[in-house]
Amino acid sequence: MADFYNSEGYASPTEHEAFTRIEREEKAAAKAAAFRPVVYICSPYSGDTERNVENAKRYSRFAVDRHYLPITPHIYFTQFMDDSIPEERDTAIFMNWVLMSKCVELWVFGDTVSSGMKAEIDRAKRKHMKIRYFTEDLEEKI
């Protein structure tokens, strides 16, 4: 906190108020910078899964670089669940819905919309989530 007295020992209310205000603004800016809205990353998984996972990682990094916290279930759940087993796929889809409910936006990447992505987009629309569309090259579609 700024000192009320200057270096010569005299009361300095104007400078004190100015420095106090600057300190408050810096703290508020730091707090705002620490806040990261949670976004759900929607991109293809099936097909060329290796390439699609690499793209999903890139999309997630894109969100982080823009001060968002990405939720990308097809990177995470596929580490320990088998998408080819119907029961596990159904469980993963349910968990996706739970995670999506914690997000403020759905970010859709690429030109290909898989059936899983379509289901996520439809759910986001029903929940009145903001949906943003991006190209595979990370350009926002307007």
Protein backbone atom coordinates (compact mmCIF):
# COMPACT_ATOMS: atom_id res chain seq x y z
CA MET A 1 0.00 0.00 0.00
CA ALA A 2 1.24 3.47 -0.81
CA ASP A 3 2.60 5.53 2.07
CA PHE A 4 0.53 8.57 3.12
CA TYR A 5 3.71 10.57 3.73
CA ASN A 6 6.28 11.55 1.13
CA SER A 7 10.03 10.93 1.45
CA GLU A 8 10.44 14.25 3.33
CA GLY A 9 7.85 13.28 5.96
CA TYR A 10 5.05 15.59 4.79
CA ALA A 11 1.47 14.37 4.36
CA SER A 12 0.82 13.76 0.68
CA PRO A 13 -2.86 12.83 0.24
CA THR A 14 -2.97 13.43 -3.54
CA GLU A 15 -0.02 11.20 -4.29
CA HIS A 16 -1.26 8.66 -1.74
CA GLU A 17 -4.65 8.48 -3.48
CA ALA A 18 -3.04 8.23 -6.92
CA PHE A 19 -0.70 5.39 -5.92
CA THR A 20 -3.48 3.61 -4.03
CA ARG A 21 -5.69 3.76 -7.12
CA ILE A 22 -2.87 2.43 -9.32
CA GLU A 23 -2.29 -0.48 -6.91
CA ARG A 24 -6.03 -1.32 -6.90
CA GLU A 25 -6.15 -1.26 -10.71
CA GLU A 26 -3.08 -3.50 -10.95
CA LYS A 27 -4.61 -6.01 -8.52
CA ALA A 28 -7.91 -5.98 -10.45
CA ALA A 29 -6.08 -6.50 -13.74
CA ALA A 30 -4.11 -9.42 -12.29
CA LYS A 31 -7.31 -10.98 -10.96
CA ALA A 32 -9.04 -10.55 -14.34
CA ALA A 33 -6.05 -12.10 -16.12
CA ALA A 34 -6.26 -15.11 -13.83
CA PHE A 35 -9.92 -15.76 -14.78
CA ARG A 36 -10.28 -18.16 -17.68
CA PRO A 37 -13.74 -18.98 -19.02
CA VAL A 38 -14.22 -22.70 -19.63
CA VAL A 39 -14.86 -23.69 -23.26
CA TYR A 40 -15.74 -27.08 -24.73
CA ILE A 41 -13.61 -28.08 -27.72
CA CYS A 42 -15.66 -29.85 -30.39
CA SER A 43 -13.67 -31.46 -33.21
CA PRO A 44 -13.55 -34.81 -35.02
CA TYR A 45 -12.16 -37.89 -33.27
CA SER A 46 -13.17 -40.86 -35.44
CA GLY A 47 -11.46 -41.60 -38.73
CA ASP A 48 -7.80 -40.60 -38.61
CA THR A 49 -7.72 -40.62 -34.81
CA GLU A 50 -3.99 -39.91 -34.57
CA ARG A 51 -4.28 -36.78 -36.70
CA ASN A 52 -7.54 -35.77 -35.06
CA VAL A 53 -6.06 -36.02 -31.55
CA GLU A 54 -3.09 -33.90 -32.65
CA ASN A 55 -5.51 -31.32 -34.05
CA ALA A 56 -7.54 -31.38 -30.82
CA LYS A 57 -4.35 -30.69 -28.87
CA ARG A 58 -3.63 -27.76 -31.18
CA TYR A 59 -7.16 -26.43 -30.75
CA SER A 60 -6.84 -26.74 -26.98
CA ARG A 61 -3.57 -24.83 -27.04
CA PHE A 62 -5.26 -22.16 -29.18
CA ALA A 63 -7.87 -21.72 -26.42
CA VAL A 64 -5.22 -21.53 -23.70
CA ASP A 65 -3.29 -18.91 -25.66
CA ARG A 66 -6.47 -16.79 -25.71
CA HIS A 67 -6.90 -17.13 -21.91
CA TYR A 68 -9.62 -19.79 -21.96
CA LEU A 69 -9.64 -23.11 -20.14
CA PRO A 70 -10.36 -25.82 -22.75
CA ILE A 71 -12.29 -29.01 -22.03
CA THR A 72 -11.39 -31.53 -24.72
CA PRO A 73 -12.91 -34.90 -23.74
CA HIS A 74 -11.80 -36.82 -26.82
CA ILE A 75 -8.21 -36.27 -25.78
CA TYR A 76 -8.82 -37.26 -22.18
CA PHE A 77 -11.42 -40.06 -22.17
CA THR A 78 -9.82 -41.96 -25.04
CA GLN A 79 -6.77 -42.52 -22.83
CA PHE A 80 -8.69 -45.03 -20.71
CA MET A 81 -11.97 -45.76 -22.51
CA ASP A 82 -12.55 -47.70 -25.73
CA ASP A 83 -14.72 -45.81 -28.21
CA SER A 84 -15.36 -49.05 -30.14
CA ILE A 85 -17.21 -50.63 -27.17
CA PRO A 86 -20.80 -49.27 -27.25
CA GLU A 87 -21.22 -49.21 -23.46
CA GLU A 88 -17.99 -47.29 -22.99
CA ARG A 89 -18.86 -44.89 -25.80
CA ASP A 90 -22.26 -44.24 -24.17
CA THR A 91 -20.59 -43.63 -20.81
CA ALA A 92 -18.09 -41.24 -22.42
CA ILE A 93 -20.91 -39.35 -24.16
CA PHE A 94 -22.70 -38.97 -20.83
CA MET A 95 -19.50 -37.64 -19.23
CA ASN A 96 -19.08 -35.26 -22.18
CA TRP A 97 -22.54 -33.81 -21.44
CA VAL A 98 -21.59 -33.31 -17.80
CA LEU A 99 -18.40 -31.49 -18.76
CA MET A 100 -20.18 -29.45 -21.41
CA SER A 101 -22.64 -28.21 -18.78
CA LYS A 102 -19.70 -26.56 -16.98
CA CYS A 103 -18.64 -24.60 -20.08
CA VAL A 104 -19.67 -21.12 -21.19
CA GLU A 105 -19.07 -21.73 -24.90
CA LEU A 106 -18.76 -24.53 -27.43
CA TRP A 107 -15.92 -24.09 -29.94
CA VAL A 108 -16.33 -26.12 -33.14
CA PHE A 109 -13.21 -26.69 -35.25
CA GLY A 110 -12.82 -27.76 -38.87
CA ASP A 111 -15.11 -28.25 -41.84
CA THR A 112 -16.05 -31.85 -41.06
CA VAL A 113 -18.86 -32.36 -38.54
CA SER A 114 -19.00 -35.95 -37.31
CA SER A 115 -22.15 -37.48 -35.83
CA GLY A 116 -20.66 -37.05 -32.35
CA MET A 117 -19.93 -33.39 -33.04
CA LYS A 118 -23.43 -32.87 -34.41
CA ALA A 119 -24.87 -34.29 -31.18
CA GLU A 120 -22.68 -31.92 -29.14
CA ILE A 121 -23.70 -28.92 -31.28
CA ASP A 122 -27.38 -29.85 -31.02
CA ARG A 123 -27.10 -30.18 -27.24
CA ALA A 124 -25.31 -26.83 -26.96
CA LYS A 125 -28.10 -25.21 -28.99
CA ARG A 126 -30.76 -26.74 -26.73
CA LYS A 127 -28.88 -25.40 -23.70
CA HIS A 128 -28.56 -21.97 -25.35
CA MET A 129 -24.77 -22.03 -25.19
CA LYS A 130 -22.76 -19.63 -27.27
CA ILE A 131 -21.25 -21.56 -30.20
CA ARG A 132 -18.21 -20.34 -32.09
CA TYR A 133 -16.93 -21.92 -35.30
CA PHE A 134 -13.28 -22.03 -36.37
CA THR A 135 -11.46 -23.39 -39.39
CA GLU A 136 -8.83 -26.09 -39.03
CA ASP A 137 -6.32 -23.23 -39.44
CA LEU A 138 -7.72 -21.53 -36.31
CA GLU A 139 -9.52 -18.71 -38.10
CA GLU A 140 -12.91 -17.81 -36.66
CA LYS A 141 -15.79 -18.23 -39.09
CA ILE A 142 -18.12 -15.28 -39.07
